[in-house]
């Protein structure tokens, strides 16, 4: 049984995350931990309780049979969510229309993706459910293998096609002495196309009936994925986990697209986070 941690505070972004979780829990047996985090100085605690009960009611009405547990925690959001380590998936809402405020607050959604032991799904406040492929970014260095596997499982579960996207850029010519060595474009493309073929082959070994398409895009990874975001039910990216500071640097793809994306964004660590420097 999947255990989902849902961060919920009654905002429109949280409501979108709640709807996404309800749709997921309606498809498969799940337990949802609905968590609201209050400052130790918060006054309106009754409102927080009402919001939790409203979320529970919505889940039970839209996902019959779902298990629901309510949690009202005190302290910092990041620390509170990170303390719940039994989750298979963490889901939070993101208000993509208020980028400046989010950055000023320390990029909390992105910080959650770095500290979470489980994959994190960030659901935009304006999210609308559509039938479309699951899109995943494929890295050449193998760091996206967990993300690709996660995306394949998600696509299989909802009966959607899987779209593999690999972004590449021509390397700059090198100059040994006074002779410039030009890079062969066709040879470079073939090498990057091979990365897609490897990822596709691995997926089809375990998901034989899955419809898989491959897109080779000459661009940076973020813009390449954004090309397909409006035509995706979910975008999945991998990230390195090396502690909060380095994790945010290495999680540049998620950071570059989060505030522009209109579909849910799943961030999947390259390795389990138990070894991360917290």
C-alpha atoms as a PDB file:
ATOM      1  CA  UNK A   1       0.000   0.000   0.000  1.00  0.00           C
ATOM      2  CA  UNK A   2       1.361   3.383  -0.997  1.00  0.00           C
ATOM      3  CA  UNK A   3       1.723   6.009   1.725  1.00  0.00           C
ATOM      4  CA  UNK A   4       1.361   9.605   0.512  1.00  0.00           C
ATOM      5  CA  UNK A   5       2.305  12.666   2.528  1.00  0.00           C
ATOM      6  CA  UNK A   6       0.197  15.673   1.508  1.00  0.00           C
ATOM      7  CA  UNK A   7       1.182  19.129   2.727  1.00  0.00           C
ATOM      8  CA  UNK A   8      -2.079  21.044   3.127  1.00  0.00           C
ATOM      9  CA  UNK A   9      -2.856  24.588   4.283  1.00  0.00           C
ATOM     10  CA  UNK A  10      -6.160  25.371   2.555  1.00  0.00           C
ATOM     11  CA  UNK A  11      -4.654  27.589  -0.160  1.00  0.00           C
ATOM     12  CA  UNK A  12      -5.571  27.192  -3.863  1.00  0.00           C
ATOM     13  CA  UNK A  13      -2.215  25.499  -4.479  1.00  0.00           C
ATOM     14  CA  UNK A  14      -2.877  23.036  -1.653  1.00  0.00           C
ATOM     15  CA  UNK A  15      -6.356  22.402  -3.060  1.00  0.00           C
ATOM     16  CA  UNK A  16      -4.798  21.443  -6.406  1.00  0.00           C
ATOM     17  CA  UNK A  17      -2.416  19.078  -4.631  1.00  0.00           C
ATOM     18  CA  UNK A  18      -5.376  17.584  -2.757  1.00  0.00           C
ATOM     19  CA  UNK A  19      -7.252  16.953  -6.019  1.00  0.00           C
ATOM     20  CA  UNK A  20      -4.172  15.311  -7.534  1.00  0.00           C
ATOM     21  CA  UNK A  21      -3.779  13.018  -4.536  1.00  0.00           C
ATOM     22  CA  UNK A  22      -7.483  12.119  -4.537  1.00  0.00           C
ATOM     23  CA  UNK A  23      -7.304  11.127  -8.201  1.00  0.00           C
ATOM     24  CA  UNK A  24      -4.262   8.977  -7.486  1.00  0.00           C
ATOM     25  CA  UNK A  25      -5.799   7.353  -4.400  1.00  0.00           C
ATOM     26  CA  UNK A  26      -8.921   6.520  -6.419  1.00  0.00           C
ATOM     27  CA  UNK A  27      -6.762   4.390  -8.761  1.00  0.00           C
ATOM     28  CA  UNK A  28      -4.767   2.443  -6.193  1.00  0.00           C
ATOM     29  CA  UNK A  29      -4.942   1.526  -2.529  1.00  0.00           C
ATOM     30  CA  UNK A  30      -3.272   4.255  -0.509  1.00  0.00           C
ATOM     31  CA  UNK A  31      -3.006   5.898   2.872  1.00  0.00           C
ATOM     32  CA  UNK A  32      -2.742   9.679   2.894  1.00  0.00           C
ATOM     33  CA  UNK A  33      -1.117  11.609   5.722  1.00  0.00           C
ATOM     34  CA  UNK A  34      -2.594  15.098   5.501  1.00  0.00           C
ATOM     35  CA  UNK A  35      -0.209  17.471   7.249  1.00  0.00           C
ATOM     36  CA  UNK A  36      -0.587  21.113   8.160  1.00  0.00           C
ATOM     37  CA  UNK A  37       2.271  22.918   9.857  1.00  0.00           C
ATOM     38  CA  UNK A  38       1.652  25.854  12.183  1.00  0.00           C
ATOM     39  CA  UNK A  39       4.048  28.385  13.535  1.00  0.00           C
ATOM     40  CA  UNK A  40       4.441  28.081  17.286  1.00  0.00           C
ATOM     41  CA  UNK A  41       2.995  31.587  17.463  1.00  0.00           C
ATOM     42  CA  UNK A  42      -0.039  30.879  15.263  1.00  0.00           C
ATOM     43  CA  UNK A  43      -3.340  31.946  16.783  1.00  0.00           C
ATOM     44  CA  UNK A  44      -6.026  30.490  14.557  1.00  0.00           C
ATOM     45  CA  UNK A  45      -5.531  26.814  15.317  1.00  0.00           C
ATOM     46  CA  UNK A  46      -9.209  25.947  14.953  1.00  0.00           C
ATOM     47  CA  UNK A  47      -9.120  27.023  11.310  1.00  0.00           C
ATOM     48  CA  UNK A  48      -6.215  24.662  10.710  1.00  0.00           C
ATOM     49  CA  UNK A  49      -8.204  21.790  12.198  1.00  0.00           C
ATOM     50  CA  UNK A  50     -11.210  22.650  10.039  1.00  0.00           C
ATOM     51  CA  UNK A  51      -8.994  22.650   6.946  1.00  0.00           C
ATOM     52  CA  UNK A  52      -7.626  19.210   7.818  1.00  0.00           C
ATOM     53  CA  UNK A  53     -11.131  17.806   8.261  1.00  0.00           C
ATOM     54  CA  UNK A  54     -12.253  19.387   4.986  1.00  0.00           C
ATOM     55  CA  UNK A  55      -9.345  17.678   3.225  1.00  0.00           C
ATOM     56  CA  UNK A  56     -10.258  14.362   4.832  1.00  0.00           C
ATOM     57  CA  UNK A  57     -13.871  14.703   3.713  1.00  0.00           C
ATOM     58  CA  UNK A  58     -12.792  15.483   0.147  1.00  0.00           C
ATOM     59  CA  UNK A  59     -10.490  12.456   0.022  1.00  0.00           C
ATOM     60  CA  UNK A  60     -13.090  10.057   1.369  1.00  0.00           C
ATOM     61  CA  UNK A  61     -15.726  11.333  -1.059  1.00  0.00           C
ATOM     62  CA  UNK A  62     -13.460  11.166  -4.105  1.00  0.00           C
ATOM     63  CA  UNK A  63     -11.364   8.121  -3.278  1.00  0.00           C
ATOM     64  CA  UNK A  64     -13.565   5.591  -1.475  1.00  0.00           C
ATOM     65  CA  UNK A  65     -11.565   3.217   0.692  1.00  0.00           C
ATOM     66  CA  UNK A  66      -8.593   5.543   1.094  1.00  0.00           C
ATOM     67  CA  UNK A  67      -6.938   5.604   4.497  1.00  0.00           C
ATOM     68  CA  UNK A  68      -6.582   9.113   5.910  1.00  0.00           C
ATOM     69  CA  UNK A  69      -4.544  10.309   8.878  1.00  0.00           C
ATOM     70  CA  UNK A  70      -4.498  13.939   9.952  1.00  0.00           C
ATOM     71  CA  UNK A  71      -1.460  15.675  11.440  1.00  0.00           C
ATOM     72  CA  UNK A  72      -1.208  19.176  12.869  1.00  0.00           C
ATOM     73  CA  UNK A  73       2.445  19.909  13.503  1.00  0.00           C
ATOM     74  CA  UNK A  74       4.230  22.904  14.945  1.00  0.00           C
ATOM     75  CA  UNK A  75       7.511  24.469  13.887  1.00  0.00           C
ATOM     76  CA  UNK A  76       9.196  24.879  10.517  1.00  0.00           C
ATOM     77  CA  UNK A  77       7.540  23.385   7.440  1.00  0.00           C
ATOM     78  CA  UNK A  78      10.734  21.844   6.065  1.00  0.00           C
ATOM     79  CA  UNK A  79      11.714  20.250   9.353  1.00  0.00           C
ATOM     80  CA  UNK A  80       8.180  19.023  10.056  1.00  0.00           C
ATOM     81  CA  UNK A  81       7.695  17.353   6.683  1.00  0.00           C
ATOM     82  CA  UNK A  82      11.197  15.888   6.758  1.00  0.00           C
ATOM     83  CA  UNK A  83      10.460  14.286  10.129  1.00  0.00           C
ATOM     84  CA  UNK A  84       7.805  12.048   8.546  1.00  0.00           C
ATOM     85  CA  UNK A  85      10.082   9.484   6.963  1.00  0.00           C
ATOM     86  CA  UNK A  86       7.669   6.648   6.162  1.00  0.00           C
ATOM     87  CA  UNK A  87       6.178   8.217   3.036  1.00  0.00           C
ATOM     88  CA  UNK A  88       6.480   6.700  -0.432  1.00  0.00           C
ATOM     89  CA  UNK A  89       5.527   9.998  -2.060  1.00  0.00           C
ATOM     90  CA  UNK A  90       5.378  13.628  -0.928  1.00  0.00           C
ATOM     91  CA  UNK A  91       2.901  16.007  -2.588  1.00  0.00           C
ATOM     92  CA  UNK A  92       2.716  19.784  -2.116  1.00  0.00           C
ATOM     93  CA  UNK A  93       1.036  22.599  -3.993  1.00  0.00           C
ATOM     94  CA  UNK A  94       2.954  25.413  -5.678  1.00  0.00           C
ATOM     95  CA  UNK A  95       1.632  28.888  -6.385  1.00  0.00           C
ATOM     96  CA  UNK A  96       3.403  29.463  -9.687  1.00  0.00           C
ATOM     97  CA  UNK A  97       1.880  32.923 -10.052  1.00  0.00           C
ATOM     98  CA  UNK A  98       3.903  34.341  -7.167  1.00  0.00           C
ATOM     99  CA  UNK A  99       7.510  33.573  -8.020  1.00  0.00           C
ATOM    100  CA  UNK A 100       9.091  36.522  -6.201  1.00  0.00           C
ATOM    101  CA  UNK A 101       7.360  35.693  -2.934  1.00  0.00           C
ATOM    102  CA  UNK A 102       8.377  32.042  -3.237  1.00  0.00           C
ATOM    103  CA  UNK A 103      12.010  32.922  -3.847  1.00  0.00           C
ATOM    104  CA  UNK A 104      11.952  35.392  -0.966  1.00  0.00           C
ATOM    105  CA  UNK A 105      10.653  32.591   1.258  1.00  0.00           C
ATOM    106  CA  UNK A 106      13.683  30.487   0.389  1.00  0.00           C
ATOM    107  CA  UNK A 107      12.227  28.368  -2.402  1.00  0.00           C
ATOM    108  CA  UNK A 108      10.492  26.070   0.086  1.00  0.00           C
ATOM    109  CA  UNK A 109       9.064  23.623  -2.515  1.00  0.00           C
ATOM    110  CA  UNK A 110      12.523  23.089  -3.998  1.00  0.00           C
ATOM    111  CA  UNK A 111      14.086  22.684  -0.566  1.00  0.00           C
ATOM    112  CA  UNK A 112      11.551  19.942   0.144  1.00  0.00           C
ATOM    113  CA  UNK A 113      12.684  18.068  -2.975  1.00  0.00           C
ATOM    114  CA  UNK A 114      16.252  18.096  -1.658  1.00  0.00           C
ATOM    115  CA  UNK A 115      15.533  16.873   1.873  1.00  0.00           C
ATOM    116  CA  UNK A 116      12.754  14.377   1.130  1.00  0.00           C
ATOM    117  CA  UNK A 117      13.663  10.695   1.169  1.00  0.00           C
ATOM    118  CA  UNK A 118      10.786  10.021  -1.243  1.00  0.00           C
ATOM    119  CA  UNK A 119       9.932  11.431  -4.679  1.00  0.00           C
ATOM    120  CA  UNK A 120       8.205  14.810  -4.449  1.00  0.00           C
ATOM    121  CA  UNK A 121       5.347  15.948  -6.687  1.00  0.00           C
ATOM    122  CA  UNK A 122       4.802  19.709  -6.963  1.00  0.00           C
ATOM    123  CA  UNK A 123       1.303  20.566  -8.178  1.00  0.00           C
ATOM    124  CA  UNK A 124       0.681  24.068  -9.645  1.00  0.00           C
ATOM    125  CA  UNK A 125      -2.269  26.025  -8.295  1.00  0.00           C
ATOM    126  CA  UNK A 126      -3.738  26.314 -11.803  1.00  0.00           C
ATOM    127  CA  UNK A 127      -3.448  22.595 -12.559  1.00  0.00           C
ATOM    128  CA  UNK A 128      -6.120  21.025 -14.751  1.00  0.00           C
ATOM    129  CA  UNK A 129      -6.211  17.257 -15.186  1.00  0.00           C
ATOM    130  CA  UNK A 130      -5.689  16.196 -18.806  1.00  0.00           C
ATOM    131  CA  UNK A 131      -5.126  12.921 -20.616  1.00  0.00           C
ATOM    132  CA  UNK A 132      -1.604  13.259 -21.970  1.00  0.00           C
ATOM    133  CA  UNK A 133       1.771  11.509 -21.905  1.00  0.00           C
ATOM    134  CA  UNK A 134       4.057  11.399 -18.906  1.00  0.00           C
ATOM    135  CA  UNK A 135       7.243  13.255 -19.875  1.00  0.00           C
ATOM    136  CA  UNK A 136      10.618  12.550 -18.299  1.00  0.00           C
ATOM    137  CA  UNK A 137      14.014  14.144 -18.780  1.00  0.00           C
ATOM    138  CA  UNK A 138      16.790  11.697 -19.655  1.00  0.00           C
ATOM    139  CA  UNK A 139      20.318  12.673 -18.600  1.00  0.00           C
ATOM    140  CA  UNK A 140      23.386  11.394 -20.403  1.00  0.00           C
ATOM    141  CA  UNK A 141      25.260  10.622 -17.172  1.00  0.00           C
ATOM    142  CA  UNK A 142      22.756   8.050 -15.894  1.00  0.00           C
ATOM    143  CA  UNK A 143      21.628  10.235 -12.978  1.00  0.00           C
ATOM    144  CA  UNK A 144      18.035  10.163 -14.255  1.00  0.00           C
ATOM    145  CA  UNK A 145      17.625   6.375 -14.111  1.00  0.00           C
ATOM    146  CA  UNK A 146      15.415   6.481 -11.010  1.00  0.00           C
ATOM    147  CA  UNK A 147      13.356   9.298 -12.532  1.00  0.00           C
ATOM    148  CA  UNK A 148      12.859   7.356 -15.768  1.00  0.00           C
ATOM    149  CA  UNK A 149      11.765   4.254 -13.851  1.00  0.00           C
ATOM    150  CA  UNK A 150       9.358   6.339 -11.759  1.00  0.00           C
ATOM    151  CA  UNK A 151       7.906   7.965 -14.894  1.00  0.00           C
ATOM    152  CA  UNK A 152       7.433   4.577 -16.565  1.00  0.00           C
ATOM    153  CA  UNK A 153       5.553   3.259 -13.540  1.00  0.00           C
ATOM    154  CA  UNK A 154       3.359   6.371 -13.479  1.00  0.00           C
ATOM    155  CA  UNK A 155       2.555   6.140 -17.187  1.00  0.00           C
ATOM    156  CA  UNK A 156       1.791   2.433 -16.884  1.00  0.00           C
ATOM    157  CA  UNK A 157      -0.507   3.014 -13.908  1.00  0.00           C
ATOM    158  CA  UNK A 158      -2.703   5.543 -15.726  1.00  0.00           C
ATOM    159  CA  UNK A 159      -2.484   3.988 -19.181  1.00  0.00           C
ATOM    160  CA  UNK A 160      -0.647   6.971 -20.655  1.00  0.00           C
ATOM    161  CA  UNK A 161       2.232   7.009 -23.147  1.00  0.00           C
ATOM    162  CA  UNK A 162       5.728   7.749 -21.881  1.00  0.00           C
ATOM    163  CA  UNK A 163       7.739  10.502 -23.556  1.00  0.00           C
ATOM    164  CA  UNK A 164      11.514  10.446 -23.089  1.00  0.00           C
ATOM    165  CA  UNK A 165      13.185  13.827 -23.643  1.00  0.00           C
ATOM    166  CA  UNK A 166      16.942  14.228 -23.904  1.00  0.00           C
ATOM    167  CA  UNK A 167      18.410  17.706 -24.285  1.00  0.00           C
ATOM    168  CA  UNK A 168      21.850  18.322 -25.735  1.00  0.00           C
ATOM    169  CA  UNK A 169      24.058  21.183 -26.845  1.00  0.00           C
ATOM    170  CA  UNK A 170      27.001  21.208 -29.213  1.00  0.00           C
ATOM    171  CA  UNK A 171      30.244  21.443 -27.210  1.00  0.00           C
ATOM    172  CA  UNK A 172      32.550  24.332 -27.924  1.00  0.00           C
ATOM    173  CA  UNK A 173      35.496  23.557 -30.232  1.00  0.00           C
ATOM    174  CA  UNK A 174      38.773  22.876 -28.466  1.00  0.00           C
ATOM    175  CA  UNK A 175      41.971  24.605 -29.554  1.00  0.00           C
ATOM    176  CA  UNK A 176      45.224  22.656 -29.006  1.00  0.00           C
ATOM    177  CA  UNK A 177      47.966  25.093 -29.960  1.00  0.00           C
ATOM    178  CA  UNK A 178      46.672  27.096 -32.915  1.00  0.00           C
ATOM    179  CA  UNK A 179      44.476  24.429 -34.563  1.00  0.00           C
ATOM    180  CA  UNK A 180      40.744  24.417 -33.774  1.00  0.00           C
ATOM    181  CA  UNK A 181      39.164  20.979 -33.671  1.00  0.00           C
ATOM    182  CA  UNK A 182      35.594  21.221 -34.935  1.00  0.00           C
ATOM    183  CA  UNK A 183      32.988  18.921 -33.426  1.00  0.00           C
ATOM    184  CA  UNK A 184      31.158  16.630 -35.843  1.00  0.00           C
ATOM    185  CA  UNK A 185      27.443  17.441 -35.479  1.00  0.00           C
ATOM    186  CA  UNK A 186      26.144  14.106 -36.748  1.00  0.00           C
ATOM    187  CA  UNK A 187      28.520  12.188 -34.521  1.00  0.00           C
ATOM    188  CA  UNK A 188      27.509  14.243 -31.509  1.00  0.00           C
ATOM    189  CA  UNK A 189      23.805  13.751 -32.225  1.00  0.00           C
ATOM    190  CA  UNK A 190      24.306  10.012 -32.617  1.00  0.00           C
ATOM    191  CA  UNK A 191      25.934   9.807 -29.182  1.00  0.00           C
ATOM    192  CA  UNK A 192      23.020  11.619 -27.542  1.00  0.00           C
ATOM    193  CA  UNK A 193      20.464   9.601 -29.497  1.00  0.00           C
ATOM    194  CA  UNK A 194      22.140   6.500 -28.099  1.00  0.00           C
ATOM    195  CA  UNK A 195      21.382   7.694 -24.549  1.00  0.00           C
ATOM    196  CA  UNK A 196      17.684   7.798 -25.466  1.00  0.00           C
ATOM    197  CA  UNK A 197      17.841   4.359 -27.049  1.00  0.00           C
ATOM    198  CA  UNK A 198      19.410   2.877 -23.927  1.00  0.00           C
ATOM    199  CA  UNK A 199      16.761   4.406 -21.658  1.00  0.00           C
ATOM    200  CA  UNK A 200      13.981   3.250 -23.963  1.00  0.00           C
ATOM    201  CA  UNK A 201      15.353  -0.285 -24.115  1.00  0.00           C
ATOM    202  CA  UNK A 202      15.559  -0.575 -20.334  1.00  0.00           C
ATOM    203  CA  UNK A 203      11.979   0.635 -19.929  1.00  0.00           C
ATOM    204  CA  UNK A 204      10.554  -1.716 -22.553  1.00  0.00           C
ATOM    205  CA  UNK A 205      12.245  -4.662 -20.844  1.00  0.00           C
ATOM    206  CA  UNK A 206      10.046  -4.090 -17.787  1.00  0.00           C
ATOM    207  CA  UNK A 207       6.999  -2.372 -19.357  1.00  0.00           C
ATOM    208  CA  UNK A 208       6.459  -4.304 -22.575  1.00  0.00           C
ATOM    209  CA  UNK A 209       3.063  -2.797 -23.406  1.00  0.00           C
ATOM    210  CA  UNK A 210       4.013   0.791 -22.677  1.00  0.00           C
ATOM    211  CA  UNK A 211       3.930   3.227 -25.582  1.00  0.00           C
ATOM    212  CA  UNK A 212       7.280   5.031 -25.542  1.00  0.00           C
ATOM    213  CA  UNK A 213       8.349   7.965 -27.699  1.00  0.00           C
ATOM    214  CA  UNK A 214      11.799   9.574 -27.823  1.00  0.00           C
ATOM    215  CA  UNK A 215      12.535  13.267 -28.323  1.00  0.00           C
ATOM    216  CA  UNK A 216      16.050  14.567 -28.951  1.00  0.00           C
ATOM    217  CA  UNK A 217      16.093  18.343 -28.437  1.00  0.00           C
ATOM    218  CA  UNK A 218      19.017  20.689 -29.063  1.00  0.00           C
ATOM    219  CA  UNK A 219      18.550  22.981 -26.074  1.00  0.00           C
ATOM    220  CA  UNK A 220      19.137  23.248 -22.345  1.00  0.00           C
ATOM    221  CA  UNK A 221      17.220  20.628 -20.291  1.00  0.00           C
ATOM    222  CA  UNK A 222      14.772  23.085 -18.698  1.00  0.00           C
ATOM    223  CA  UNK A 223      13.548  24.768 -21.889  1.00  0.00           C
ATOM    224  CA  UNK A 224      13.478  21.384 -23.641  1.00  0.00           C
ATOM    225  CA  UNK A 225      11.086  19.957 -21.054  1.00  0.00           C
ATOM    226  CA  UNK A 226       8.943  23.090 -21.031  1.00  0.00           C
ATOM    227  CA  UNK A 227       8.248  22.532 -24.733  1.00  0.00           C
ATOM    228  CA  UNK A 228       6.234  19.470 -23.759  1.00  0.00           C
ATOM    229  CA  UNK A 229       4.849  20.509 -20.352  1.00  0.00           C
ATOM    230  CA  UNK A 230       1.533  21.830 -21.686  1.00  0.00           C
ATOM    231  CA  UNK A 231       1.068  18.492 -23.470  1.00  0.00           C
ATOM    232  CA  UNK A 232       1.945  16.354 -20.451  1.00  0.00           C
ATOM    233  CA  UNK A 233      -0.037  14.967 -17.538  1.00  0.00           C
ATOM    234  CA  UNK A 234       3.167  14.875 -15.497  1.00  0.00           C
ATOM    235  CA  UNK A 235       6.782  15.970 -15.998  1.00  0.00           C
ATOM    236  CA  UNK A 236       9.459  13.999 -14.165  1.00  0.00           C
ATOM    237  CA  UNK A 237      13.041  15.095 -13.542  1.00  0.00           C
ATOM    238  CA  UNK A 238      15.919  13.544 -11.651  1.00  0.00           C
ATOM    239  CA  UNK A 239      18.078  15.357  -9.162  1.00  0.00           C
ATOM    240  CA  UNK A 240      21.274  14.773  -7.202  1.00  0.00           C
ATOM    241  CA  UNK A 241      21.027  14.951  -3.434  1.00  0.00           C
ATOM    242  CA  UNK A 242      24.122  16.372  -1.765  1.00  0.00           C
ATOM    243  CA  UNK A 243      22.573  18.384   1.061  1.00  0.00           C
ATOM    244  CA  UNK A 244      20.417  21.486   0.715  1.00  0.00           C
ATOM    245  CA  UNK A 245      22.893  23.953  -0.786  1.00  0.00           C
ATOM    246  CA  UNK A 246      24.510  21.639  -3.324  1.00  0.00           C
ATOM    247  CA  UNK A 247      21.188  19.925  -3.959  1.00  0.00           C
ATOM    248  CA  UNK A 248      19.616  23.205  -5.012  1.00  0.00           C
ATOM    249  CA  UNK A 249      22.529  23.887  -7.333  1.00  0.00           C
ATOM    250  CA  UNK A 250      22.426  20.422  -8.875  1.00  0.00           C
ATOM    251  CA  UNK A 251      18.616  20.535  -9.057  1.00  0.00           C
ATOM    252  CA  UNK A 252      18.874  23.284 -11.635  1.00  0.00           C
ATOM    253  CA  UNK A 253      16.399  21.703 -14.059  1.00  0.00           C
ATOM    254  CA  UNK A 254      13.575  21.587 -11.519  1.00  0.00           C
ATOM    255  CA  UNK A 255      14.436  25.105 -10.384  1.00  0.00           C
ATOM    256  CA  UNK A 256      14.413  26.456 -13.948  1.00  0.00           C
ATOM    257  CA  UNK A 257      10.981  25.112 -14.894  1.00  0.00           C
ATOM    258  CA  UNK A 258       8.972  24.998 -11.675  1.00  0.00           C
ATOM    259  CA  UNK A 259       7.629  28.538 -11.808  1.00  0.00           C
ATOM    260  CA  UNK A 260       6.568  28.228 -15.462  1.00  0.00           C
ATOM    261  CA  UNK A 261       5.132  24.733 -15.560  1.00  0.00           C
ATOM    262  CA  UNK A 262       1.371  24.106 -15.756  1.00  0.00           C
ATOM    263  CA  UNK A 263       1.317  20.373 -15.041  1.00  0.00           C
ATOM    264  CA  UNK A 264       2.543  18.546 -11.921  1.00  0.00           C
ATOM    265  CA  UNK A 265       6.322  18.195 -11.632  1.00  0.00           C
ATOM    266  CA  UNK A 266       7.820  15.105  -9.991  1.00  0.00           C
ATOM    267  CA  UNK A 267      11.369  15.359  -8.659  1.00  0.00           C
ATOM    268  CA  UNK A 268      13.063  12.000  -8.095  1.00  0.00           C
ATOM    269  CA  UNK A 269      16.440  11.652  -6.415  1.00  0.00           C
ATOM    270  CA  UNK A 270      19.274   9.914  -8.233  1.00  0.00           C
ATOM    271  CA  UNK A 271      19.987   7.921  -5.078  1.00  0.00           C
ATOM    272  CA  UNK A 272      18.186   7.410  -1.763  1.00  0.00           C
ATOM    273  CA  UNK A 273      18.495  10.438   0.474  1.00  0.00           C
ATOM    274  CA  UNK A 274      19.624   8.551   3.573  1.00  0.00           C
ATOM    275  CA  UNK A 275      23.187   9.468   2.743  1.00  0.00           C
ATOM    276  CA  UNK A 276      22.493  13.115   2.100  1.00  0.00           C
ATOM    277  CA  UNK A 277      24.158  15.733   4.229  1.00  0.00           C
ATOM    278  CA  UNK A 278      21.306  17.309   6.056  1.00  0.00           C
END
